[in-house]
Amino acid sequence: MSAPLTDAALDQLFRTARTYNAWLPKEVTDEQIRQIYELAKMGPTAANASPMRLSFIKSKDAKERLKPFLSENNVEKTMAAPVTAIVATDFAFYEQLPKLFPHADARSWFVGNEPMIQSAGMRNGSLQGAYLILAARSLGLDCGPMSGFDQAGVDAEFFAGTHIKSNFLVNIGYGDPNKNLFGRLPRLDFDEAAQIL
């Protein structure tokens, strides 16, 4: 941890990485999916709560189950993507805290405190979703995160009877730079978005 990443690595993760809308016909293997998770799970969460839950939609049958819940403009690119991750949050995450945070009774911090459960679950699950994108990019894959879908429908189809709720989707594969890749949009300058106090 003593040396910065190379410029090439920073480009791959941030500067030249893009949100892809079209995909090359190249498989993402189950082993690659597992590697993405093994990296993403290492990112920090409060009390090591790790509330993110993932469903990697890869098979034709699973894609057909997801398809009815996609916004119209997200159907084609999602059906063409080798994999779509449903990034979700388990709002009973605190039940895992005796395993994940064994040196304190962290479970008791959450039981019966619904505002805290919702706040911590959404915050930390979203953080883990961002780690997922960086993990995929670090392995040479491209991502297309999106929120255009019927969350209630996805939850009923994939997470019925659980405390798991979908947050956003991430298409994962090898992006086609020659199709539907929009010009990079501007970002706020430091002085517009940040301050040093």
N, C-alpha and C. Protein backbone atom coordinates (compact mmCIF):
# COMPACT_ATOMS: atom_id res chain seq x y z
N MET A 1 0.82 -1.20 0.00
CA MET A 1 0.00 0.00 0.00
C MET A 1 0.86 1.26 0.00
N SER A 2 2.13 1.11 -0.30
CA SER A 2 3.02 2.27 -0.18
C SER A 2 3.22 3.02 -1.49
N ALA A 3 2.75 2.47 -2.61
CA ALA A 3 2.98 3.12 -3.90
C ALA A 3 1.66 3.36 -4.62
N PRO A 4 1.51 4.52 -5.26
CA PRO A 4 0.29 4.75 -6.05
C PRO A 4 0.19 3.76 -7.20
N LEU A 5 -1.02 3.54 -7.68
CA LEU A 5 -1.21 2.72 -8.88
C LEU A 5 -0.61 3.43 -10.08
N THR A 6 -0.30 2.66 -11.10
CA THR A 6 0.23 3.24 -12.33
C THR A 6 -0.85 4.05 -13.02
N ASP A 7 -0.42 4.92 -13.93
CA ASP A 7 -1.39 5.68 -14.71
C ASP A 7 -2.30 4.76 -15.51
N ALA A 8 -1.74 3.67 -16.02
CA ALA A 8 -2.56 2.72 -16.79
C ALA A 8 -3.66 2.13 -15.92
N ALA A 9 -3.34 1.79 -14.67
CA ALA A 9 -4.34 1.23 -13.77
C ALA A 9 -5.39 2.27 -13.42
N LEU A 10 -4.97 3.51 -13.18
CA LEU A 10 -5.93 4.57 -12.86
C LEU A 10 -6.85 4.85 -14.05
N ASP A 11 -6.28 4.79 -15.26
CA ASP A 11 -7.11 4.95 -16.45
C ASP A 11 -8.17 3.85 -16.51
N GLN A 12 -7.75 2.60 -16.28
CA GLN A 12 -8.66 1.46 -16.37
C GLN A 12 -9.80 1.53 -15.35
N LEU A 13 -9.47 2.02 -14.17
CA LEU A 13 -10.48 2.09 -13.11
C LEU A 13 -11.35 3.34 -13.20
N PHE A 14 -10.77 4.48 -13.64
CA PHE A 14 -11.47 5.75 -13.53
C PHE A 14 -11.45 6.59 -14.81
N ARG A 15 -10.26 6.98 -15.25
CA ARG A 15 -10.17 8.08 -16.20
C ARG A 15 -10.69 7.74 -17.59
N THR A 16 -10.41 6.55 -18.08
CA THR A 16 -10.92 6.18 -19.41
C THR A 16 -12.00 5.11 -19.34
N ALA A 17 -12.32 4.63 -18.16
CA ALA A 17 -13.42 3.68 -18.00
C ALA A 17 -14.72 4.36 -18.38
N ARG A 18 -15.62 3.60 -18.98
CA ARG A 18 -16.88 4.17 -19.46
C ARG A 18 -18.06 3.30 -19.05
N THR A 19 -19.24 3.87 -19.14
CA THR A 19 -20.47 3.10 -18.98
C THR A 19 -20.87 2.59 -20.36
N TYR A 20 -20.86 1.27 -20.52
CA TYR A 20 -21.12 0.68 -21.83
C TYR A 20 -22.59 0.32 -22.01
N ASN A 21 -23.06 0.47 -23.26
CA ASN A 21 -24.43 0.18 -23.63
C ASN A 21 -24.53 -0.91 -24.69
N ALA A 22 -23.39 -1.39 -25.18
CA ALA A 22 -23.35 -2.46 -26.17
C ALA A 22 -22.18 -3.38 -25.82
N TRP A 23 -22.32 -4.63 -26.22
CA TRP A 23 -21.41 -5.65 -25.72
C TRP A 23 -20.87 -6.53 -26.84
N LEU A 24 -19.61 -6.88 -26.73
CA LEU A 24 -19.02 -7.84 -27.64
C LEU A 24 -19.51 -9.25 -27.26
N PRO A 25 -19.64 -10.15 -28.22
CA PRO A 25 -20.13 -11.50 -27.93
C PRO A 25 -19.04 -12.37 -27.32
N LYS A 26 -18.64 -12.02 -26.13
CA LYS A 26 -17.57 -12.72 -25.43
C LYS A 26 -18.04 -13.08 -24.03
N GLU A 27 -17.86 -14.32 -23.64
CA GLU A 27 -18.38 -14.81 -22.37
C GLU A 27 -17.66 -14.21 -21.16
N VAL A 28 -18.42 -13.98 -20.11
CA VAL A 28 -17.87 -13.75 -18.78
C VAL A 28 -18.06 -15.07 -18.03
N THR A 29 -16.96 -15.66 -17.60
CA THR A 29 -17.03 -16.99 -17.01
C THR A 29 -17.51 -16.94 -15.56
N ASP A 30 -17.96 -18.10 -15.08
CA ASP A 30 -18.34 -18.19 -13.67
C ASP A 30 -17.15 -17.88 -12.77
N GLU A 31 -15.97 -18.28 -13.19
CA GLU A 31 -14.77 -18.00 -12.40
C GLU A 31 -14.52 -16.49 -12.31
N GLN A 32 -14.72 -15.77 -13.41
CA GLN A 32 -14.57 -14.32 -13.38
C GLN A 32 -15.59 -13.69 -12.44
N ILE A 33 -16.82 -14.19 -12.46
CA ILE A 33 -17.85 -13.67 -11.57
C ILE A 33 -17.43 -13.86 -10.12
N ARG A 34 -16.90 -15.04 -9.82
CA ARG A 34 -16.44 -15.29 -8.45
C ARG A 34 -15.27 -14.38 -8.08
N GLN A 35 -14.37 -14.11 -9.03
CA GLN A 35 -13.24 -13.21 -8.77
C GLN A 35 -13.74 -11.80 -8.48
N ILE A 36 -14.75 -11.35 -9.22
CA ILE A 36 -15.33 -10.02 -8.97
C ILE A 36 -15.80 -9.94 -7.52
N TYR A 37 -16.56 -10.96 -7.10
CA TYR A 37 -17.08 -10.94 -5.74
C TYR A 37 -15.96 -10.98 -4.70
N GLU A 38 -14.97 -11.82 -4.93
CA GLU A 38 -13.88 -11.96 -3.95
C GLU A 38 -13.13 -10.64 -3.76
N LEU A 39 -13.04 -9.83 -4.80
CA LEU A 39 -12.44 -8.50 -4.65
C LEU A 39 -13.41 -7.52 -4.00
N ALA A 40 -14.65 -7.48 -4.49
CA ALA A 40 -15.61 -6.50 -4.02
C ALA A 40 -15.91 -6.66 -2.53
N LYS A 41 -15.90 -7.89 -2.04
CA LYS A 41 -16.25 -8.11 -0.63
C LYS A 41 -15.22 -7.54 0.33
N MET A 42 -14.04 -7.20 -0.17
CA MET A 42 -12.98 -6.71 0.70
C MET A 42 -13.08 -5.22 1.01
N GLY A 43 -13.93 -4.50 0.29
CA GLY A 43 -14.09 -3.07 0.56
C GLY A 43 -14.72 -2.84 1.92
N PRO A 44 -14.43 -1.71 2.55
CA PRO A 44 -14.93 -1.46 3.91
C PRO A 44 -16.43 -1.16 3.96
N THR A 45 -17.05 -1.66 5.01
CA THR A 45 -18.43 -1.30 5.36
C THR A 45 -18.47 -1.09 6.87
N ALA A 46 -19.43 -0.31 7.35
CA ALA A 46 -19.54 -0.03 8.78
C ALA A 46 -19.78 -1.32 9.55
N ALA A 47 -19.00 -1.53 10.59
CA ALA A 47 -19.06 -2.74 11.41
C ALA A 47 -18.93 -4.01 10.56
N ASN A 48 -18.27 -3.88 9.41
CA ASN A 48 -18.09 -5.02 8.49
C ASN A 48 -19.43 -5.67 8.15
N ALA A 49 -20.48 -4.86 8.07
CA ALA A 49 -21.84 -5.38 7.95
C ALA A 49 -22.10 -6.12 6.64
N SER A 50 -21.47 -5.70 5.57
CA SER A 50 -21.53 -6.41 4.28
C SER A 50 -22.96 -6.76 3.86
N PRO A 51 -23.85 -5.76 3.72
CA PRO A 51 -25.25 -6.06 3.42
C PRO A 51 -25.55 -6.35 1.95
N MET A 52 -24.60 -6.14 1.05
CA MET A 52 -24.87 -6.38 -0.36
C MET A 52 -25.14 -7.86 -0.62
N ARG A 53 -26.16 -8.11 -1.42
CA ARG A 53 -26.44 -9.44 -1.93
C ARG A 53 -26.52 -9.34 -3.44
N LEU A 54 -26.03 -10.33 -4.13
CA LEU A 54 -25.91 -10.28 -5.58
C LEU A 54 -26.61 -11.46 -6.24
N SER A 55 -27.32 -11.17 -7.30
CA SER A 55 -27.79 -12.22 -8.20
C SER A 55 -27.18 -11.91 -9.56
N PHE A 56 -26.34 -12.80 -10.04
CA PHE A 56 -25.70 -12.63 -11.34
C PHE A 56 -26.58 -13.32 -12.38
N ILE A 57 -27.22 -12.53 -13.21
CA ILE A 57 -28.15 -13.03 -14.22
C ILE A 57 -27.35 -13.35 -15.48
N LYS A 58 -27.24 -14.64 -15.77
CA LYS A 58 -26.38 -15.07 -16.87
C LYS A 58 -27.10 -16.00 -17.85
N SER A 59 -27.90 -16.93 -17.35
CA SER A 59 -28.56 -17.91 -18.22
C SER A 59 -29.70 -17.25 -19.00
N LYS A 60 -30.08 -17.88 -20.10
CA LYS A 60 -31.21 -17.39 -20.90
C LYS A 60 -32.48 -17.34 -20.07
N ASP A 61 -32.73 -18.37 -19.28
CA ASP A 61 -33.93 -18.40 -18.44
C ASP A 61 -33.95 -17.26 -17.44
N ALA A 62 -32.81 -17.00 -16.80
CA ALA A 62 -32.74 -15.91 -15.82
C ALA A 62 -32.95 -14.56 -16.50
N LYS A 63 -32.38 -14.39 -17.70
CA LYS A 63 -32.58 -13.13 -18.44
C LYS A 63 -34.05 -12.92 -18.77
N GLU A 64 -34.74 -13.98 -19.15
CA GLU A 64 -36.16 -13.87 -19.46
C GLU A 64 -36.98 -13.50 -18.22
N ARG A 65 -36.54 -13.96 -17.05
CA ARG A 65 -37.22 -13.58 -15.81
C ARG A 65 -37.02 -12.10 -15.51
N LEU A 66 -35.84 -11.57 -15.83
CA LEU A 66 -35.54 -10.16 -15.56
C LEU A 66 -36.18 -9.22 -16.58
N LYS A 67 -36.27 -9.66 -17.80
CA LYS A 67 -36.67 -8.80 -18.93
C LYS A 67 -37.95 -8.00 -18.70
N PRO A 68 -39.04 -8.59 -18.16
CA PRO A 68 -40.27 -7.80 -18.02
C PRO A 68 -40.17 -6.61 -17.09
N PHE A 69 -39.14 -6.57 -16.27
CA PHE A 69 -39.02 -5.52 -15.27
C PHE A 69 -38.07 -4.39 -15.68
N LEU A 70 -37.50 -4.51 -16.88
CA LEU A 70 -36.56 -3.51 -17.36
C LEU A 70 -37.30 -2.37 -18.04
N SER A 71 -36.81 -1.14 -17.85
CA SER A 71 -37.32 -0.02 -18.61
C SER A 71 -37.04 -0.28 -20.09
N GLU A 72 -37.92 0.24 -20.93
CA GLU A 72 -37.84 -0.06 -22.36
C GLU A 72 -36.45 0.20 -22.95
N ASN A 73 -35.83 1.31 -22.56
CA ASN A 73 -34.53 1.66 -23.14
C ASN A 73 -33.38 0.83 -22.57
N ASN A 74 -33.67 -0.02 -21.58
CA ASN A 74 -32.62 -0.87 -21.01
C ASN A 74 -32.73 -2.34 -21.43
N VAL A 75 -33.77 -2.68 -22.17
CA VAL A 75 -34.01 -4.09 -22.51
C VAL A 75 -32.92 -4.63 -23.43
N GLU A 76 -32.70 -3.98 -24.56
CA GLU A 76 -31.78 -4.52 -25.57
C GLU A 76 -30.37 -4.69 -25.02
N LYS A 77 -29.85 -3.67 -24.38
CA LYS A 77 -28.47 -3.75 -23.88
C LYS A 77 -28.33 -4.77 -22.76
N THR A 78 -29.37 -4.93 -21.95
CA THR A 78 -29.30 -5.89 -20.85
C THR A 78 -29.41 -7.32 -21.36
N MET A 79 -30.27 -7.54 -22.33
CA MET A 79 -30.38 -8.88 -22.90
C MET A 79 -29.10 -9.28 -23.64
N ALA A 80 -28.38 -8.30 -24.17
CA ALA A 80 -27.14 -8.58 -24.90
C ALA A 80 -25.93 -8.73 -23.98
N ALA A 81 -26.03 -8.21 -22.77
CA ALA A 81 -24.88 -8.27 -21.85
C ALA A 81 -24.62 -9.71 -21.43
N PRO A 82 -23.36 -10.11 -21.34
CA PRO A 82 -23.06 -11.47 -20.88
C PRO A 82 -23.60 -11.76 -19.49
N VAL A 83 -23.56 -10.77 -18.61
CA VAL A 83 -24.02 -10.92 -17.23
C VAL A 83 -24.65 -9.61 -16.77
N THR A 84 -25.72 -9.73 -16.00
CA THR A 84 -26.28 -8.57 -15.32
C THR A 84 -26.32 -8.88 -13.83
N ALA A 85 -25.67 -8.05 -13.04
CA ALA A 85 -25.71 -8.21 -11.59
C ALA A 85 -26.87 -7.41 -11.03
N ILE A 86 -27.75 -8.09 -10.30
CA ILE A 86 -28.72 -7.37 -9.48
C ILE A 86 -28.02 -7.08 -8.16
N VAL A 87 -27.72 -5.82 -7.94
CA VAL A 87 -27.09 -5.40 -6.69
C VAL A 87 -28.21 -5.09 -5.71
N ALA A 88 -28.26 -5.86 -4.65
CA ALA A 88 -29.36 -5.76 -3.70
C ALA A 88 -28.81 -5.63 -2.28
N THR A 89 -29.70 -5.29 -1.37
CA THR A 89 -29.34 -5.12 0.03
C THR A 89 -30.19 -6.04 0.88
N ASP A 90 -29.54 -6.76 1.78
CA ASP A 90 -30.24 -7.59 2.75
C ASP A 90 -30.47 -6.75 4.00
N PHE A 91 -31.72 -6.38 4.25
CA PHE A 91 -32.02 -5.53 5.39
C PHE A 91 -32.14 -6.32 6.70
N ALA A 92 -31.79 -7.60 6.64
CA ALA A 92 -31.56 -8.38 7.86
C ALA A 92 -30.07 -8.68 8.00
N PHE A 93 -29.25 -7.80 7.43
CA PHE A 93 -27.79 -7.97 7.45
C PHE A 93 -27.24 -8.16 8.85
N TYR A 94 -27.89 -7.55 9.83
CA TYR A 94 -27.38 -7.58 11.20
C TYR A 94 -27.36 -8.99 11.79
N GLU A 95 -28.11 -9.91 11.19
CA GLU A 95 -28.10 -11.30 11.67
C GLU A 95 -26.75 -11.97 11.40
N GLN A 96 -25.98 -11.43 10.48
CA GLN A 96 -24.65 -11.96 10.17
C GLN A 96 -23.54 -11.32 11.00
N LEU A 97 -23.88 -10.31 11.79
CA LEU A 97 -22.84 -9.60 12.53
C LEU A 97 -22.11 -10.44 13.57
N PRO A 98 -22.74 -11.44 14.21
CA PRO A 98 -21.93 -12.29 15.10
C PRO A 98 -20.77 -12.97 14.38
N LYS A 99 -20.93 -13.26 13.10
CA LYS A 99 -19.84 -13.83 12.30
C LYS A 99 -18.89 -12.74 11.80
N LEU A 100 -19.45 -11.64 11.31
CA LEU A 100 -18.65 -10.63 10.61
C LEU A 100 -17.98 -9.63 11.55
N PHE A 101 -18.52 -9.45 12.74
CA PHE A 101 -18.00 -8.46 13.71
C PHE A 101 -18.02 -9.10 15.09
N PRO A 102 -17.24 -10.19 15.29
CA PRO A 102 -17.40 -11.05 16.47
C PRO A 102 -16.91 -10.46 17.78
N HIS A 103 -16.14 -9.38 17.72
CA HIS A 103 -15.55 -8.85 18.95
C HIS A 103 -16.49 -7.91 19.72
N ALA A 104 -17.71 -7.68 19.19
CA ALA A 104 -18.69 -6.86 19.90
C ALA A 104 -20.08 -7.37 19.55
N ASP A 105 -21.05 -7.03 20.38
CA ASP A 105 -22.43 -7.44 20.12
C ASP A 105 -23.08 -6.43 19.18
N ALA A 106 -22.58 -6.37 17.94
CA ALA A 106 -23.05 -5.37 16.99
C ALA A 106 -24.50 -5.63 16.56
N ARG A 107 -24.92 -6.88 16.60
CA ARG A 107 -26.31 -7.19 16.23
C ARG A 107 -27.28 -6.37 17.07
N SER A 108 -27.00 -6.22 18.35
CA SER A 108 -27.91 -5.51 19.25
C SER A 108 -28.02 -4.03 18.90
N TRP A 109 -27.06 -3.49 18.16
CA TRP A 109 -27.12 -2.09 17.75
C TRP A 109 -28.27 -1.84 16.77
N PHE A 110 -28.66 -2.90 16.07
CA PHE A 110 -29.63 -2.74 14.99
C PHE A 110 -31.01 -3.32 15.29
N VAL A 111 -31.08 -4.39 16.06
CA VAL A 111 -32.35 -5.07 16.28
C VAL A 111 -33.39 -4.09 16.83
N GLY A 112 -34.52 -3.97 16.13
CA GLY A 112 -35.60 -3.10 16.55
C GLY A 112 -35.41 -1.63 16.19
N ASN A 113 -34.29 -1.28 15.57
CA ASN A 113 -34.03 0.12 15.21
C ASN A 113 -34.13 0.25 13.69
N GLU A 114 -35.36 0.31 13.18
CA GLU A 114 -35.59 0.28 11.73
C GLU A 114 -34.93 1.44 10.99
N PRO A 115 -34.97 2.68 11.51
CA PRO A 115 -34.27 3.75 10.79
C PRO A 115 -32.77 3.46 10.63
N MET A 116 -32.15 2.92 11.66
CA MET A 116 -30.72 2.60 11.58
C MET A 116 -30.47 1.45 10.61
N ILE A 117 -31.34 0.45 10.62
CA ILE A 117 -31.22 -0.68 9.69
C ILE A 117 -31.30 -0.17 8.25
N GLN A 118 -32.30 0.65 7.96
CA GLN A 118 -32.48 1.16 6.60
C GLN A 118 -31.30 2.03 6.16
N SER A 119 -30.88 2.93 7.04
CA SER A 119 -29.79 3.85 6.71
C SER A 119 -28.48 3.09 6.48
N ALA A 120 -28.13 2.21 7.42
CA ALA A 120 -26.87 1.47 7.30
C ALA A 120 -26.92 0.49 6.14
N GLY A 121 -28.06 -0.16 5.95
CA GLY A 121 -28.18 -1.11 4.85
C GLY A 121 -28.02 -0.44 3.50
N MET A 122 -28.72 0.67 3.29
CA MET A 122 -28.65 1.36 2.00
C MET A 122 -27.26 1.95 1.76
N ARG A 123 -26.70 2.59 2.77
CA ARG A 123 -25.39 3.22 2.61
C ARG A 123 -24.31 2.18 2.29
N ASN A 124 -24.25 1.15 3.10
CA ASN A 124 -23.17 0.18 2.95
C ASN A 124 -23.39 -0.74 1.76
N GLY A 125 -24.65 -1.06 1.46
CA GLY A 125 -24.93 -1.85 0.26
C GLY A 125 -24.57 -1.10 -1.01
N SER A 126 -24.83 0.21 -1.03
CA SER A 126 -24.47 1.03 -2.19
C SER A 126 -22.96 1.14 -2.34
N LEU A 127 -22.27 1.31 -1.20
CA LEU A 127 -20.80 1.31 -1.25
C LEU A 127 -20.28 0.01 -1.87
N GLN A 128 -20.85 -1.11 -1.44
CA GLN A 128 -20.38 -2.38 -1.98
C GLN A 128 -20.69 -2.52 -3.47
N GLY A 129 -21.80 -1.93 -3.92
CA GLY A 129 -22.09 -1.94 -5.35
C GLY A 129 -21.04 -1.18 -6.14
N ALA A 130 -20.54 -0.08 -5.57
CA ALA A 130 -19.47 0.66 -6.22
C ALA A 130 -18.18 -0.16 -6.24
N TYR A 131 -17.90 -0.87 -5.15
CA TYR A 131 -16.73 -1.75 -5.14
C TYR A 131 -16.86 -2.82 -6.23
N LEU A 132 -18.06 -3.31 -6.45
CA LEU A 132 -18.29 -4.32 -7.48
C LEU A 132 -17.88 -3.79 -8.86
N ILE A 133 -18.25 -2.57 -9.16
CA ILE A 133 -17.89 -1.97 -10.46
C ILE A 133 -16.38 -1.86 -10.58
N LEU A 134 -15.73 -1.37 -9.54
CA LEU A 134 -14.26 -1.25 -9.59
C LEU A 134 -13.60 -2.62 -9.66
N ALA A 135 -14.14 -3.61 -8.99
CA ALA A 135 -13.58 -4.96 -9.05
C ALA A 135 -13.67 -5.50 -10.47
N ALA A 136 -14.83 -5.35 -11.11
CA ALA A 136 -14.98 -5.82 -12.48
C ALA A 136 -14.01 -5.11 -13.41
N ARG A 137 -13.91 -3.79 -13.29
CA ARG A 137 -12.98 -3.04 -14.13
C ARG A 137 -11.54 -3.48 -13.88
N SER A 138 -11.20 -3.76 -12.65
CA SER A 138 -9.82 -4.15 -12.34
C SER A 138 -9.46 -5.49 -12.97
N LEU A 139 -10.47 -6.31 -13.28
CA LEU A 139 -10.25 -7.60 -13.92
C LEU A 139 -10.36 -7.52 -15.44
N GLY A 140 -10.44 -6.31 -15.97
CA GLY A 140 -10.46 -6.13 -17.42
C GLY A 140 -11.84 -6.19 -18.04
N LEU A 141 -12.86 -6.11 -17.21
CA LEU A 141 -14.24 -6.13 -17.70
C LEU A 141 -14.81 -4.72 -17.72
N ASP A 142 -15.85 -4.53 -18.48
CA ASP A 142 -16.55 -3.25 -18.56
C ASP A 142 -17.90 -3.37 -17.87
N CYS A 143 -18.44 -2.23 -17.46
CA CYS A 143 -19.70 -2.21 -16.72
C CYS A 143 -20.67 -1.20 -17.32
N GLY A 144 -21.94 -1.49 -17.12
CA GLY A 144 -23.00 -0.57 -17.48
C GLY A 144 -24.01 -0.50 -16.35
N PRO A 145 -23.71 0.26 -15.28
CA PRO A 145 -24.67 0.37 -14.18
C PRO A 145 -25.90 1.17 -14.58
N MET A 146 -27.06 0.82 -13.99
CA MET A 146 -28.30 1.51 -14.34
C MET A 146 -29.35 1.31 -13.26
N SER A 147 -30.32 2.21 -13.28
CA SER A 147 -31.40 2.13 -12.31
C SER A 147 -32.77 2.07 -12.97
N GLY A 148 -32.83 1.93 -14.26
CA GLY A 148 -34.11 1.92 -14.96
C GLY A 148 -34.76 0.55 -14.96
N PHE A 149 -35.42 0.21 -13.85
CA PHE A 149 -36.12 -1.06 -13.76
C PHE A 149 -37.17 -0.99 -12.65
N ASP A 150 -38.09 -1.91 -12.69
CA ASP A 150 -39.16 -2.01 -11.70
C ASP A 150 -38.62 -2.76 -10.48
N GLN A 151 -38.25 -2.02 -9.46
CA GLN A 151 -37.63 -2.64 -8.28
C GLN A 151 -38.59 -3.59 -7.58
N ALA A 152 -39.83 -3.20 -7.42
CA ALA A 152 -40.80 -4.07 -6.74
C ALA A 152 -40.98 -5.37 -7.51
N GLY A 153 -41.02 -5.28 -8.84
CA GLY A 153 -41.15 -6.48 -9.65
C GLY A 153 -39.96 -7.40 -9.54
N VAL A 154 -38.76 -6.83 -9.58
CA VAL A 154 -37.53 -7.62 -9.43
C VAL A 154 -37.49 -8.27 -8.05
N ASP A 155 -37.87 -7.52 -7.03
CA ASP A 155 -37.85 -8.07 -5.67
C ASP A 155 -38.82 -9.24 -5.54
N ALA A 156 -40.00 -9.10 -6.14
CA ALA A 156 -40.99 -10.19 -6.07
C ALA A 156 -40.51 -11.42 -6.84
N GLU A 157 -39.84 -11.19 -7.97
CA GLU A 157 -39.39 -12.30 -8.82
C GLU A 157 -38.18 -13.02 -8.25
N PHE A 158 -37.22 -12.26 -7.71
CA PHE A 158 -35.95 -12.85 -7.32
C PHE A 158 -35.74 -12.97 -5.81
N PHE A 159 -36.45 -12.17 -5.01
CA PHE A 159 -36.17 -12.13 -3.57
C PHE A 159 -37.41 -12.31 -2.70
N ALA A 160 -38.46 -12.91 -3.24
CA ALA A 160 -39.70 -13.08 -2.48
C ALA A 160 -39.44 -13.86 -1.19
N GLY A 161 -40.07 -13.41 -0.13
CA GLY A 161 -39.95 -14.09 1.16
C GLY A 161 -38.67 -13.82 1.90
N THR A 162 -37.91 -12.82 1.46
CA THR A 162 -36.66 -12.47 2.14
C THR A 162 -36.70 -11.00 2.56
N HIS A 163 -35.63 -10.56 3.21
CA HIS A 163 -35.47 -9.15 3.56
C HIS A 163 -34.59 -8.42 2.53
N ILE A 164 -34.41 -9.04 1.38
CA ILE A 164 -33.52 -8.50 0.36
C ILE A 164 -34.31 -7.62 -0.61
N LYS A 165 -33.76 -6.43 -0.88
CA LYS A 165 -34.39 -5.48 -1.80
C LYS A 165 -33.35 -5.02 -2.83
N SER A 166 -33.75 -4.98 -4.10
CA SER A 166 -32.84 -4.55 -5.16
C SER A 166 -32.50 -3.08 -5.01
N ASN A 167 -31.30 -2.73 -5.47
CA ASN A 167 -30.82 -1.35 -5.41
C ASN A 167 -30.59 -0.84 -6.83
N PHE A 168 -29.69 -1.49 -7.58
CA PHE A 168 -29.46 -1.12 -8.97
C PHE A 168 -28.92 -2.33 -9.73
N LEU A 169 -28.82 -2.19 -11.04
CA LEU A 169 -28.32 -3.25 -11.91
C LEU A 169 -26.99 -2.85 -12.50
N VAL A 170 -26.15 -3.84 -12.79
CA VAL A 170 -24.88 -3.58 -13.47
C VAL A 170 -24.70 -4.63 -14.56
N ASN A 171 -24.74 -4.19 -15.82
CA ASN A 171 -24.37 -5.08 -16.90
C ASN A 171 -22.85 -5.22 -16.90
N ILE A 172 -22.36 -6.44 -17.12
CA ILE A 172 -20.93 -6.72 -17.05
C ILE A 172 -20.52 -7.53 -18.27
N GLY A 173 -19.43 -7.14 -18.89
CA GLY A 173 -18.92 -7.88 -20.04
C GLY A 173 -17.76 -7.14 -20.67
N TYR A 174 -17.64 -7.30 -21.97
CA TYR A 174 -16.62 -6.62 -22.75
C TYR A 174 -17.35 -5.62 -23.63
N GLY A 175 -17.24 -4.35 -23.28
CA GLY A 175 -17.99 -3.32 -23.98
C GLY A 175 -17.54 -3.15 -25.41
N ASP A 176 -18.51 -2.86 -26.27
CA ASP A 176 -18.22 -2.57 -27.67
C ASP A 176 -18.07 -1.07 -27.83
N PRO A 177 -16.84 -0.58 -28.05
CA PRO A 177 -16.63 0.87 -28.11
C PRO A 177 -17.19 1.50 -29.39
N ASN A 178 -17.61 0.68 -30.34
CA ASN A 178 -18.10 1.20 -31.62
C ASN A 178 -19.62 1.34 -31.68
N LYS A 179 -20.31 1.00 -30.59
CA LYS A 179 -21.77 1.07 -30.59
C LYS A 179 -22.27 1.74 -29.32
N ASN A 180 -23.11 2.74 -29.50
CA ASN A 180 -23.85 3.36 -28.39
C ASN A 180 -22.97 3.84 -27.24
N LEU A 181 -21.74 4.22 -27.54
CA LEU A 181 -20.88 4.76 -26.50
C LEU A 181 -20.92 6.28 -26.61
N PHE A 182 -21.56 6.91 -25.65
CA PHE A 182 -21.75 8.35 -25.70
C PHE A 182 -20.46 9.08 -25.31
N GLY A 183 -20.32 10.32 -25.78
CA GLY A 183 -19.18 11.13 -25.37
C GLY A 183 -19.19 11.32 -23.86
N ARG A 184 -17.99 11.41 -23.30
CA ARG A 184 -17.92 11.58 -21.84
C ARG A 184 -18.57 12.89 -21.44
N LEU A 185 -19.45 12.82 -20.47
CA LEU A 185 -20.11 14.01 -19.96
C LEU A 185 -19.18 14.74 -18.99
N PRO A 186 -19.41 16.04 -18.82
CA PRO A 186 -18.53 16.80 -17.91
C PRO A 186 -18.70 16.36 -16.47
N ARG A 187 -17.70 16.64 -15.68
CA ARG A 187 -17.74 16.43 -14.24
C ARG A 187 -17.53 17.79 -13.57
N LEU A 188 -17.96 17.91 -12.35
CA LEU A 188 -17.73 19.14 -11.60
C LEU A 188 -16.26 19.29 -11.27
N ASP A 189 -15.76 20.52 -11.35
CA ASP A 189 -14.40 20.80 -10.92
C ASP A 189 -14.31 20.71 -9.40
N PHE A 190 -13.10 20.57 -8.91
CA PHE A 190 -12.90 20.44 -7.46
C PHE A 190 -13.60 21.54 -6.69
N ASP A 191 -13.42 22.80 -7.11
CA ASP A 191 -13.96 23.92 -6.36
C ASP A 191 -15.48 23.99 -6.42
N GLU A 192 -16.10 23.29 -7.36
CA GLU A 192 -17.55 23.24 -7.44
C GLU A 192 -18.15 22.17 -6.52
N ALA A 193 -17.34 21.19 -6.15
CA ALA A 193 -17.89 20.04 -5.42
C ALA A 193 -17.20 19.75 -4.10
N ALA A 194 -16.08 20.41 -3.86
CA ALA A 194 -15.30 20.04 -2.68
C ALA A 194 -14.67 21.27 -2.05
N GLN A 195 -14.30 21.11 -0.80
CA GLN A 195 -13.55 22.16 -0.11
C GLN A 195 -12.59 21.51 0.86
N ILE A 196 -11.51 22.20 1.12
CA ILE A 196 -10.54 21.77 2.11
C ILE A 196 -10.64 22.74 3.27
N LEU A 197 -10.99 22.25 4.42
CA LEU A 197 -11.21 23.14 5.58
C LEU A 197 -10.06 23.04 6.57
